[in-house]
Each structure stands twice: as C-alpha cells, then as structure tokens.
Protein backbone atom coordinates (compact mmCIF):
# COMPACT_ATOMS: atom_id res chain seq x y z
CA MET A 1 42.06 23.05 -46.82
CA SER A 2 39.53 22.46 -49.53
CA LEU A 3 38.78 18.98 -50.76
CA GLY A 4 40.47 19.83 -54.04
CA ARG A 5 43.82 20.16 -52.29
CA VAL A 6 43.83 16.71 -50.72
CA GLY A 7 46.58 14.48 -52.09
CA ILE A 8 44.32 11.62 -53.16
CA LEU A 9 42.38 14.04 -55.31
CA MET A 10 45.48 15.40 -57.01
CA GLY A 11 47.32 12.16 -57.77
CA MET A 12 49.79 12.14 -54.86
CA THR A 13 48.84 8.92 -53.14
CA LYS A 14 50.08 6.44 -50.56
CA LYS A 15 48.87 2.88 -50.29
CA LEU A 16 47.56 1.74 -46.93
CA ALA A 17 45.57 -1.07 -45.46
CA ILE A 18 42.53 -0.30 -43.33
CA SER A 19 39.92 -2.41 -41.60
CA VAL A 20 36.24 -1.52 -41.80
CA PRO A 21 33.14 -3.41 -40.73
CA ASP A 22 31.55 -5.54 -43.46
CA GLU A 23 28.32 -3.53 -43.29
CA LEU A 24 30.16 -0.24 -43.83
CA LEU A 25 32.13 -1.67 -46.74
CA ALA A 26 28.90 -2.84 -48.36
CA GLU A 27 27.47 0.68 -48.03
CA VAL A 28 30.69 2.19 -49.39
CA ASP A 29 30.62 -0.14 -52.38
CA ALA A 30 26.98 0.65 -53.09
CA GLU A 31 27.66 4.39 -52.89
CA ARG A 32 30.76 4.25 -55.07
CA LYS A 33 28.84 2.39 -57.76
CA VAL A 34 26.07 5.01 -57.71
CA SER A 35 28.64 7.83 -57.69
CA ASN A 36 30.86 6.09 -60.26
CA ILE A 37 34.04 6.63 -58.24
CA SER A 38 36.66 4.24 -56.95
CA ARG A 39 36.71 2.89 -53.43
CA SER A 40 40.01 4.70 -52.85
CA ARG A 41 38.57 8.02 -53.98
CA LEU A 42 35.49 7.58 -51.80
CA PHE A 43 37.61 6.85 -48.73
CA GLY A 44 39.84 9.80 -49.61
CA LEU A 45 36.85 12.11 -49.90
CA ALA A 46 35.43 10.81 -46.63
CA ALA A 47 38.73 11.35 -44.82
CA ALA A 48 39.12 14.83 -46.31
CA THR A 49 35.58 15.73 -45.24
CA TYR A 50 36.23 14.48 -41.70
CA VAL A 51 39.52 16.38 -41.40
CA GLU A 52 37.90 19.57 -42.71
CA GLN A 53 34.97 19.24 -40.27
CA ARG A 54 37.35 18.75 -37.34
CA ARG A 55 39.46 21.75 -38.44
CA ARG A 56 36.35 23.94 -38.60
CA ALA A 57 35.11 22.65 -35.24
CA ARG A 58 38.45 23.58 -33.64
CA ALA A 59 38.33 27.04 -35.23
CA ILE A 60 34.79 27.59 -33.92
CA ASP A 61 35.86 26.41 -30.48
CA ARG A 62 38.76 28.89 -30.48
CA TYR A 63 36.38 31.66 -31.58
CA VAL A 64 33.87 30.86 -28.82
CA ARG A 65 36.59 30.62 -26.16
CA SER A 66 38.00 33.95 -27.31
CA TYR A 67 34.64 35.66 -26.84
CA ALA A 68 34.26 34.01 -23.43
CA LEU A 69 37.61 35.47 -22.39
CA HIS A 70 37.01 38.86 -24.04
CA PRO A 71 33.27 39.50 -24.32
CA GLU A 72 31.98 42.49 -26.25
CA THR A 73 31.39 45.59 -24.22
CA ASP A 74 28.01 47.28 -23.97
CA GLU A 75 29.35 50.08 -26.17
CA GLU A 76 30.42 47.61 -28.87
CA LEU A 77 27.02 45.90 -28.79
CA GLU A 78 25.24 49.26 -29.05
CA ALA A 79 27.42 50.28 -32.00
CA THR A 80 26.70 46.99 -33.77
CA ASP A 81 22.98 47.39 -33.12
CA ALA A 82 23.00 50.95 -34.48
CA PHE A 83 24.92 49.88 -37.57
CA LEU A 84 22.53 47.00 -38.31
CA ARG A 85 19.45 49.16 -37.80
CA ALA A 86 20.84 51.74 -40.24
CA ALA A 87 21.72 49.06 -42.79
CA TRP A 88 18.27 47.49 -42.56
CA ALA A 89 16.62 50.89 -42.86
CA ALA A 90 18.65 51.58 -46.01
CA ASP A 91 17.57 48.23 -47.47
CA ASP A 92 13.92 49.10 -46.88
CA GLN A 93 14.17 52.23 -49.00
C-alpha cells in the first residue's frame, strides 16, 4: 500500500480520539506548521508510514525465513556468480 492509497489522504475519513504525550503533541504541532499540513493529515501520514514499514518488515522476515528453510544450492550460487561476472564484464566494455 502506498501512502497515496490511505483513506485519510483520499478523503475517506473517520473521526477518533487519541492520547499522546504533551511533548509529542508539541513536536507534531511544530512540524505541521513547518509542513503546512493539518494535525489530522500529519497523524494519518505517520500511521500510514508505520503500517507500511511493518508490512515491509514482515515481508522481509518471510523472505529470510524462506531462504533459511530452502537455502540456495552450490550450483545455484555458482550460476549466479557466473552470470554476474559476465554482466560486469559486458559493462566494462
């Protein structure tokens, strides 16, 4: 999901009440003034960024676990090495 597809960025919104520490709210307000965006938009962007980071972290974790369960064979590694050496040699020409 890209940030552009998040509901708050496309007009589909829900009101909610949240609690944040005073210090964080002061930083949020300072940032929103500099960025010229609303508090709601800033919190929406922050939430979207967090959700996207967590989604990517889970995808990376699945990828790493997959390789741990099914590591590349020596033949696959040799084929990759040969391919990369040929590609680099072609770039040098």
